[in-house]
């Protein structure tokens, strides 16, 4: 990877707590998400189906940077979810990606 280049990351959350506890902490998690959308780090996020966790598509300069961001997630801080990071280099994309996401 070139110096200063960004790469993509899939962050998979798997809940380790019940949904009642997840829901009780959701507002704090959403504030965390909004912070990193505003910072330009998060591209897409949402719940997995079935609802046993979530997915975040992020951009970053390094895995270490993404790990540091994850440590700020209230779900991580409070031990409510396990996190898996998958780093990849995007080589192709649909020209109409937004249209496909919107359906």
C-alpha atoms as a PDB file:
ATOM      1  CA  UNK A   1       0.000   0.000   0.000  1.00  0.00           C
ATOM      2  CA  UNK A   2       1.274   3.465  -0.846  1.00  0.00           C
ATOM      3  CA  UNK A   3       2.222   5.775   1.997  1.00  0.00           C
ATOM      4  CA  UNK A   4      -0.759   7.889   3.003  1.00  0.00           C
ATOM      5  CA  UNK A   5      -3.202   5.764   0.980  1.00  0.00           C
ATOM      6  CA  UNK A   6      -6.491   4.652   2.479  1.00  0.00           C
ATOM      7  CA  UNK A   7      -7.876   1.157   2.395  1.00  0.00           C
ATOM      8  CA  UNK A   8     -11.242  -0.375   3.157  1.00  0.00           C
ATOM      9  CA  UNK A   9     -12.271  -2.327   6.215  1.00  0.00           C
ATOM     10  CA  UNK A  10     -15.295  -4.428   7.023  1.00  0.00           C
ATOM     11  CA  UNK A  11     -15.943  -4.312  10.753  1.00  0.00           C
ATOM     12  CA  UNK A  12     -18.207  -7.099  11.941  1.00  0.00           C
ATOM     13  CA  UNK A  13     -19.819  -6.823  15.371  1.00  0.00           C
ATOM     14  CA  UNK A  14     -21.254  -9.916  17.043  1.00  0.00           C
ATOM     15  CA  UNK A  15     -23.302  -9.217  20.139  1.00  0.00           C
ATOM     16  CA  UNK A  16     -22.211 -10.937  23.338  1.00  0.00           C
ATOM     17  CA  UNK A  17     -25.064  -9.410  25.357  1.00  0.00           C
ATOM     18  CA  UNK A  18     -28.829  -9.732  25.068  1.00  0.00           C
ATOM     19  CA  UNK A  19     -30.812  -7.388  22.839  1.00  0.00           C
ATOM     20  CA  UNK A  20     -32.297  -5.569  25.850  1.00  0.00           C
ATOM     21  CA  UNK A  21     -28.784  -4.535  26.917  1.00  0.00           C
ATOM     22  CA  UNK A  22     -27.808  -3.738  23.304  1.00  0.00           C
ATOM     23  CA  UNK A  23     -30.887  -1.522  22.914  1.00  0.00           C
ATOM     24  CA  UNK A  24     -30.155   0.211  26.232  1.00  0.00           C
ATOM     25  CA  UNK A  25     -26.743   1.218  24.828  1.00  0.00           C
ATOM     26  CA  UNK A  26     -27.810   1.908  21.234  1.00  0.00           C
ATOM     27  CA  UNK A  27     -28.000   5.716  21.592  1.00  0.00           C
ATOM     28  CA  UNK A  28     -24.359   5.844  22.706  1.00  0.00           C
ATOM     29  CA  UNK A  29     -23.360   3.513  19.847  1.00  0.00           C
ATOM     30  CA  UNK A  30     -25.197   5.711  17.317  1.00  0.00           C
ATOM     31  CA  UNK A  31     -23.375   8.799  18.641  1.00  0.00           C
ATOM     32  CA  UNK A  32     -20.096   6.927  18.081  1.00  0.00           C
ATOM     33  CA  UNK A  33     -21.165   6.061  14.518  1.00  0.00           C
ATOM     34  CA  UNK A  34     -22.141   9.665  13.760  1.00  0.00           C
ATOM     35  CA  UNK A  35     -18.762  10.891  15.012  1.00  0.00           C
ATOM     36  CA  UNK A  36     -16.923   8.718  12.505  1.00  0.00           C
ATOM     37  CA  UNK A  37     -19.341   9.400   9.640  1.00  0.00           C
ATOM     38  CA  UNK A  38     -18.625  13.099  10.223  1.00  0.00           C
ATOM     39  CA  UNK A  39     -14.865  12.366  10.336  1.00  0.00           C
ATOM     40  CA  UNK A  40     -15.082  10.638   6.940  1.00  0.00           C
ATOM     41  CA  UNK A  41     -14.120   7.202   8.278  1.00  0.00           C
ATOM     42  CA  UNK A  42     -17.436   5.297   8.049  1.00  0.00           C
ATOM     43  CA  UNK A  43     -19.178   4.713   4.720  1.00  0.00           C
ATOM     44  CA  UNK A  44     -22.053   2.320   5.469  1.00  0.00           C
ATOM     45  CA  UNK A  45     -23.347   0.588   8.583  1.00  0.00           C
ATOM     46  CA  UNK A  46     -26.308  -1.439   9.712  1.00  0.00           C
ATOM     47  CA  UNK A  47     -27.705  -4.422  11.588  1.00  0.00           C
ATOM     48  CA  UNK A  48     -27.044  -7.985  10.519  1.00  0.00           C
ATOM     49  CA  UNK A  49     -30.008 -10.207   9.699  1.00  0.00           C
ATOM     50  CA  UNK A  50     -30.751 -12.045  11.904  1.00  0.00           C
ATOM     51  CA  UNK A  51     -30.058  -9.325  14.472  1.00  0.00           C
ATOM     52  CA  UNK A  52     -27.006 -10.765  16.193  1.00  0.00           C
ATOM     53  CA  UNK A  53     -24.662  -7.875  15.456  1.00  0.00           C
ATOM     54  CA  UNK A  54     -23.816  -5.306  12.833  1.00  0.00           C
ATOM     55  CA  UNK A  55     -21.531  -4.352   9.975  1.00  0.00           C
ATOM     56  CA  UNK A  56     -19.558  -1.149   9.401  1.00  0.00           C
ATOM     57  CA  UNK A  57     -17.744  -0.401   6.141  1.00  0.00           C
ATOM     58  CA  UNK A  58     -14.890   1.975   6.944  1.00  0.00           C
ATOM     59  CA  UNK A  59     -11.896   3.643   5.329  1.00  0.00           C
ATOM     60  CA  UNK A  60      -8.606   4.202   7.069  1.00  0.00           C
ATOM     61  CA  UNK A  61      -4.870   4.535   6.674  1.00  0.00           C
ATOM     62  CA  UNK A  62      -4.089   1.409   8.695  1.00  0.00           C
ATOM     63  CA  UNK A  63      -5.570  -1.479  10.625  1.00  0.00           C
ATOM     64  CA  UNK A  64      -4.116   0.107  13.770  1.00  0.00           C
ATOM     65  CA  UNK A  65      -6.151   3.267  13.108  1.00  0.00           C
ATOM     66  CA  UNK A  66      -9.364   1.236  12.714  1.00  0.00           C
ATOM     67  CA  UNK A  67      -8.594  -0.740  15.889  1.00  0.00           C
ATOM     68  CA  UNK A  68      -8.192   2.548  17.790  1.00  0.00           C
ATOM     69  CA  UNK A  69     -11.539   3.777  16.469  1.00  0.00           C
ATOM     70  CA  UNK A  70     -13.260   0.537  17.481  1.00  0.00           C
ATOM     71  CA  UNK A  71     -11.948   0.883  21.033  1.00  0.00           C
ATOM     72  CA  UNK A  72     -14.111   4.029  21.305  1.00  0.00           C
ATOM     73  CA  UNK A  73     -17.336   2.169  20.475  1.00  0.00           C
ATOM     74  CA  UNK A  74     -19.498   1.873  23.611  1.00  0.00           C
ATOM     75  CA  UNK A  75     -20.320  -1.702  22.577  1.00  0.00           C
ATOM     76  CA  UNK A  76     -16.580  -2.443  22.762  1.00  0.00           C
ATOM     77  CA  UNK A  77     -15.939  -0.413  25.931  1.00  0.00           C
ATOM     78  CA  UNK A  78     -18.809  -2.123  27.748  1.00  0.00           C
ATOM     79  CA  UNK A  79     -18.017  -5.636  26.481  1.00  0.00           C
ATOM     80  CA  UNK A  80     -21.310  -5.965  24.605  1.00  0.00           C
ATOM     81  CA  UNK A  81     -19.886  -7.205  21.294  1.00  0.00           C
ATOM     82  CA  UNK A  82     -16.946  -8.970  19.719  1.00  0.00           C
ATOM     83  CA  UNK A  83     -15.329  -7.199  16.773  1.00  0.00           C
ATOM     84  CA  UNK A  84     -13.753  -8.700  13.655  1.00  0.00           C
ATOM     85  CA  UNK A  85     -11.821  -6.517  11.182  1.00  0.00           C
ATOM     86  CA  UNK A  86     -11.422  -7.541   7.553  1.00  0.00           C
ATOM     87  CA  UNK A  87      -9.080  -5.338   5.543  1.00  0.00           C
ATOM     88  CA  UNK A  88      -9.352  -5.297   1.760  1.00  0.00           C
ATOM     89  CA  UNK A  89      -8.303  -3.340  -1.290  1.00  0.00           C
ATOM     90  CA  UNK A  90     -11.231  -2.386  -3.491  1.00  0.00           C
ATOM     91  CA  UNK A  91     -10.399  -3.127  -7.111  1.00  0.00           C
ATOM     92  CA  UNK A  92     -13.852  -2.642  -8.653  1.00  0.00           C
ATOM     93  CA  UNK A  93     -17.132  -0.917  -7.875  1.00  0.00           C
ATOM     94  CA  UNK A  94     -20.477  -0.336  -9.524  1.00  0.00           C
ATOM     95  CA  UNK A  95     -20.815   3.098 -11.167  1.00  0.00           C
ATOM     96  CA  UNK A  96     -24.373   3.299  -9.802  1.00  0.00           C
ATOM     97  CA  UNK A  97     -23.521   2.126  -6.300  1.00  0.00           C
ATOM     98  CA  UNK A  98     -25.890   4.543  -4.537  1.00  0.00           C
ATOM     99  CA  UNK A  99     -28.803   3.486  -6.760  1.00  0.00           C
ATOM    100  CA  UNK A 100     -28.091  -0.174  -5.936  1.00  0.00           C
ATOM    101  CA  UNK A 101     -27.921   0.513  -2.204  1.00  0.00           C
ATOM    102  CA  UNK A 102     -31.181   2.455  -2.302  1.00  0.00           C
ATOM    103  CA  UNK A 103     -32.857  -0.338  -4.291  1.00  0.00           C
END
